[in-house]
C-alpha atoms as a PDB file:
ATOM      1  CA  MET A   1      -5.491 -15.789  29.752  1.00  0.00           C
ATOM      2  CA  LYS A   2      -3.905 -14.664  26.501  1.00  0.00           C
ATOM      3  CA  VAL A   3      -2.950 -10.993  26.254  1.00  0.00           C
ATOM      4  CA  GLU A   4      -3.008  -9.487  22.777  1.00  0.00           C
ATOM      5  CA  ASN A   5      -0.009  -7.450  21.721  1.00  0.00           C
ATOM      6  CA  ARG A   6      -1.993  -4.585  20.194  1.00  0.00           C
ATOM      7  CA  LYS A   7      -0.964  -0.999  19.892  1.00  0.00           C
ATOM      8  CA  ARG A   8      -3.577   1.521  20.926  1.00  0.00           C
ATOM      9  CA  GLU A   9      -4.975   3.604  18.123  1.00  0.00           C
ATOM     10  CA  THR A  10      -3.638   7.119  18.322  1.00  0.00           C
ATOM     11  CA  LYS A  11      -4.990  10.258  16.689  1.00  0.00           C
ATOM     12  CA  GLN A  12      -1.914  10.381  14.461  1.00  0.00           C
ATOM     13  CA  ARG A  13      -2.277   6.772  13.314  1.00  0.00           C
ATOM     14  CA  ARG A  14      -5.980   7.256  12.574  1.00  0.00           C
ATOM     15  CA  ILE A  15      -5.325  10.407  10.525  1.00  0.00           C
ATOM     16  CA  ILE A  16      -2.431   8.784   8.632  1.00  0.00           C
ATOM     17  CA  LEU A  17      -4.663   5.850   7.699  1.00  0.00           C
ATOM     18  CA  ASP A  18      -7.603   8.146   6.838  1.00  0.00           C
ATOM     19  CA  GLU A  19      -5.439  10.346   4.599  1.00  0.00           C
ATOM     20  CA  LEU A  20      -3.953   7.303   2.877  1.00  0.00           C
ATOM     21  CA  ALA A  21      -7.406   5.787   2.313  1.00  0.00           C
ATOM     22  CA  LYS A  22      -8.620   9.000   0.619  1.00  0.00           C
ATOM     23  CA  VAL A  23      -6.191   8.728  -2.299  1.00  0.00           C
ATOM     24  CA  LYS A  24      -5.454   6.225  -5.041  1.00  0.00           C
ATOM     25  CA  SER A  25      -2.027   7.702  -5.770  1.00  0.00           C
ATOM     26  CA  HIS A  26      -0.011   5.335  -3.523  1.00  0.00           C
ATOM     27  CA  PRO A  27       1.950   8.131  -1.825  1.00  0.00           C
ATOM     28  CA  SER A  28       5.425   7.864  -0.353  1.00  0.00           C
ATOM     29  CA  ALA A  29       5.882   8.505   3.367  1.00  0.00           C
ATOM     30  CA  ASP A  30       7.087  12.036   2.518  1.00  0.00           C
ATOM     31  CA  ALA A  31       3.966  12.780   0.467  1.00  0.00           C
ATOM     32  CA  LEU A  32       1.748  11.313   3.187  1.00  0.00           C
ATOM     33  CA  TYR A  33       3.578  13.456   5.750  1.00  0.00           C
ATOM     34  CA  ARG A  34       2.721  16.591   3.744  1.00  0.00           C
ATOM     35  CA  MET A  35      -0.917  15.458   3.518  1.00  0.00           C
ATOM     36  CA  CYS A  36      -1.138  14.826   7.279  1.00  0.00           C
ATOM     37  CA  ARG A  37       0.414  18.193   8.160  1.00  0.00           C
ATOM     38  CA  ARG A  38      -2.793  19.856   6.976  1.00  0.00           C
ATOM     39  CA  LYS A  39      -4.613  18.142   9.849  1.00  0.00           C
ATOM     40  CA  ILE A  40      -1.777  17.902  12.382  1.00  0.00           C
ATOM     41  CA  PRO A  41       0.663  20.762  11.717  1.00  0.00           C
ATOM     42  CA  ASN A  42       3.197  19.592  14.308  1.00  0.00           C
ATOM     43  CA  ILE A  43       3.405  15.930  13.195  1.00  0.00           C
ATOM     44  CA  SER A  44       6.943  14.786  12.417  1.00  0.00           C
ATOM     45  CA  LEU A  45       8.158  12.703   9.501  1.00  0.00           C
ATOM     46  CA  GLY A  46       9.458  10.157  12.013  1.00  0.00           C
ATOM     47  CA  THR A  47       5.957   9.797  13.473  1.00  0.00           C
ATOM     48  CA  VAL A  48       4.575   9.100  10.000  1.00  0.00           C
ATOM     49  CA  TYR A  49       7.252   6.450   9.336  1.00  0.00           C
ATOM     50  CA  ARG A  50       6.740   4.769  12.736  1.00  0.00           C
ATOM     51  CA  ASN A  51       2.973   4.659  12.318  1.00  0.00           C
ATOM     52  CA  LEU A  52       3.204   3.392   8.744  1.00  0.00           C
ATOM     53  CA  ASN A  53       5.387   0.532   9.999  1.00  0.00           C
ATOM     54  CA  LEU A  54       2.873  -0.272  12.751  1.00  0.00           C
ATOM     55  CA  LEU A  55      -0.033  -0.127  10.289  1.00  0.00           C
ATOM     56  CA  LYS A  56       1.901  -2.385   7.911  1.00  0.00           C
ATOM     57  CA  ASP A  57       2.603  -4.874  10.720  1.00  0.00           C
ATOM     58  CA  GLU A  58      -1.107  -4.820  11.643  1.00  0.00           C
ATOM     59  CA  GLY A  59      -2.042  -5.570   8.026  1.00  0.00           C
ATOM     60  CA  LYS A  60      -3.853  -2.250   7.562  1.00  0.00           C
ATOM     61  CA  VAL A  61      -1.599  -0.880   4.805  1.00  0.00           C
ATOM     62  CA  LEU A  62       0.547  -2.327   2.050  1.00  0.00           C
ATOM     63  CA  GLU A  63       4.103  -1.186   1.553  1.00  0.00           C
ATOM     64  CA  LEU A  64       5.022  -1.090  -2.129  1.00  0.00           C
ATOM     65  CA  ALA A  65       8.753  -1.023  -2.834  1.00  0.00           C
ATOM     66  CA  TYR A  66       9.522   0.253  -6.321  1.00  0.00           C
ATOM     67  CA  GLY A  67      13.087   1.372  -6.778  1.00  0.00           C
ATOM     68  CA  LYS A  68      15.921   1.417  -4.296  1.00  0.00           C
ATOM     69  CA  TYR A  69      15.086   4.097  -1.805  1.00  0.00           C
ATOM     70  CA  ILE A  70      11.387   4.973  -1.763  1.00  0.00           C
ATOM     71  CA  CYS A  71       8.432   2.915  -0.610  1.00  0.00           C
ATOM     72  CA  HIS A  72       4.864   3.808  -1.436  1.00  0.00           C
ATOM     73  CA  TYR A  73       1.813   2.923   0.624  1.00  0.00           C
ATOM     74  CA  ASP A  74      -1.643   1.618  -0.168  1.00  0.00           C
ATOM     75  CA  ALA A  75      -4.651   1.440   2.163  1.00  0.00           C
ATOM     76  CA  THR A  76      -6.272  -1.241  -0.007  1.00  0.00           C
ATOM     77  CA  VAL A  77      -4.931  -4.428   1.545  1.00  0.00           C
ATOM     78  CA  GLU A  78      -6.976  -6.975  -0.390  1.00  0.00           C
ATOM     79  CA  ASN A  79      -5.108  -8.792  -3.157  1.00  0.00           C
ATOM     80  CA  HIS A  80      -5.006  -6.590  -6.215  1.00  0.00           C
ATOM     81  CA  TYR A  81      -2.566  -5.744  -8.972  1.00  0.00           C
ATOM     82  CA  HIS A  82      -0.459  -2.657  -9.561  1.00  0.00           C
ATOM     83  CA  PHE A  83       1.016  -1.067 -12.660  1.00  0.00           C
ATOM     84  CA  TYR A  84       4.251   0.910 -12.257  1.00  0.00           C
ATOM     85  CA  CYS A  85       5.061   3.450 -14.962  1.00  0.00           C
ATOM     86  CA  LEU A  86       8.776   3.370 -15.719  1.00  0.00           C
ATOM     87  CA  GLU A  87       8.607   6.902 -17.140  1.00  0.00           C
ATOM     88  CA  CYS A  88       6.627   9.024 -14.634  1.00  0.00           C
ATOM     89  CA  LYS A  89       7.081   6.597 -11.679  1.00  0.00           C
ATOM     90  CA  LYS A  90       3.358   6.656 -10.828  1.00  0.00           C
ATOM     91  CA  ILE A  91       1.637   3.564  -9.443  1.00  0.00           C
ATOM     92  CA  PHE A  92      -1.846   2.603 -10.577  1.00  0.00           C
ATOM     93  CA  ASP A  93      -4.299  -0.006  -9.307  1.00  0.00           C
ATOM     94  CA  ILE A  94      -5.459  -2.415 -11.982  1.00  0.00           C
ATOM     95  CA  ASP A  95      -9.129  -2.873 -11.165  1.00  0.00           C
ATOM     96  CA  GLU A  96     -10.122  -4.649 -14.353  1.00  0.00           C
ATOM     97  CA  ILE A  97      -8.971  -8.077 -13.163  1.00  0.00           C
ATOM     98  CA  ASP A  98     -11.771 -10.221 -11.746  1.00  0.00           C
ATOM     99  CA  ARG A  99     -11.510 -11.220  -8.060  1.00  0.00           C
ATOM    100  CA  GLY A 100     -12.278 -14.806  -9.110  1.00  0.00           C
ATOM    101  CA  ASP A 101      -9.104 -14.766 -11.196  1.00  0.00           C
ATOM    102  CA  LEU A 102      -7.146 -13.750  -8.094  1.00  0.00           C
ATOM    103  CA  TYR A 103      -8.682 -16.614  -6.106  1.00  0.00           C
ATOM    104  CA  ARG A 104      -7.853 -19.111  -8.862  1.00  0.00           C
ATOM    105  CA  LEU A 105      -4.287 -17.787  -9.050  1.00  0.00           C
ATOM    106  CA  ASP A 106      -3.821 -18.351  -5.298  1.00  0.00           C
ATOM    107  CA  LYS A 107      -5.205 -21.898  -5.630  1.00  0.00           C
ATOM    108  CA  LYS A 108      -2.942 -22.712  -8.592  1.00  0.00           C
ATOM    109  CA  ALA A 109       0.115 -21.324  -6.795  1.00  0.00           C
ATOM    110  CA  ALA A 110      -0.653 -23.399  -3.706  1.00  0.00           C
ATOM    111  CA  ALA A 111      -1.350 -26.619  -5.677  1.00  0.00           C
ATOM    112  CA  GLY A 112      -1.492 -28.621  -2.439  1.00  0.00           C
ATOM    113  CA  LYS A 113       2.109 -27.739  -1.554  1.00  0.00           C
ATOM    114  CA  PHE A 114       1.750 -24.319   0.031  1.00  0.00           C
ATOM    115  CA  GLN A 115      -0.658 -22.239   2.053  1.00  0.00           C
ATOM    116  CA  VAL A 116      -0.914 -18.888   0.269  1.00  0.00           C
ATOM    117  CA  LYS A 117      -1.588 -15.974   2.644  1.00  0.00           C
ATOM    118  CA  TYR A 118      -1.380 -13.291  -0.048  1.00  0.00           C
ATOM    119  CA  HIS A 119       0.338 -12.597  -3.329  1.00  0.00           C
ATOM    120  CA  ARG A 120       1.684  -9.660  -5.223  1.00  0.00           C
ATOM    121  CA  VAL A 121       1.865  -9.286  -8.982  1.00  0.00           C
ATOM    122  CA  ASP A 122       3.125  -6.056 -10.490  1.00  0.00           C
ATOM    123  CA  PHE A 123       3.168  -4.869 -14.083  1.00  0.00           C
ATOM    124  CA  TYR A 124       5.764  -2.458 -15.469  1.00  0.00           C
ATOM    125  CA  GLY A 125       5.719  -0.276 -18.561  1.00  0.00           C
ATOM    126  CA  CYS A 126       4.427   3.104 -19.710  1.00  0.00           C
ATOM    127  CA  CYS A 127       1.101   4.542 -18.579  1.00  0.00           C
ATOM    128  CA  GLN A 128      -1.341   5.951 -21.115  1.00  0.00           C
ATOM    129  CA  GLU A 129      -0.161   9.519 -20.550  1.00  0.00           C
ATOM    130  CA  CYS A 130       3.547   8.683 -20.981  1.00  0.00           C
ATOM    131  CA  LYS A 131       2.833   6.383 -23.930  1.00  0.00           C
ATOM    132  CA  SER A 132       1.288   9.347 -25.768  1.00  0.00           C
ATOM    133  CA  ASN A 133       4.397  11.505 -25.340  1.00  0.00           C
END
């Protein structure tokens, strides 16, 4: 009999995932910690980091590394694109790209040589707000 190596879902982990899923801003662990403190005042930053790592390992969140020291998190785990503003450092989802295009991109990348599990494509530049300034 095979025993699954699953972590039990805790109240903290559920709230961290719920808070992350509510926003499209791709918060850092620090920002998510501040969000979660509204629901669990005594939660620690270490608890947020540990649970984010578990959720990432379980495939329930994406970790987005932009820059040297700060990771951002996304509760949308399906393949999708991001735009990173080099001026204001905000991260945006690019929803305008057709899911069929993503599927075709995976197929082209594999080209019989690889088995693509997921991909990540990021765009960099200035967002509309920063471009106007």
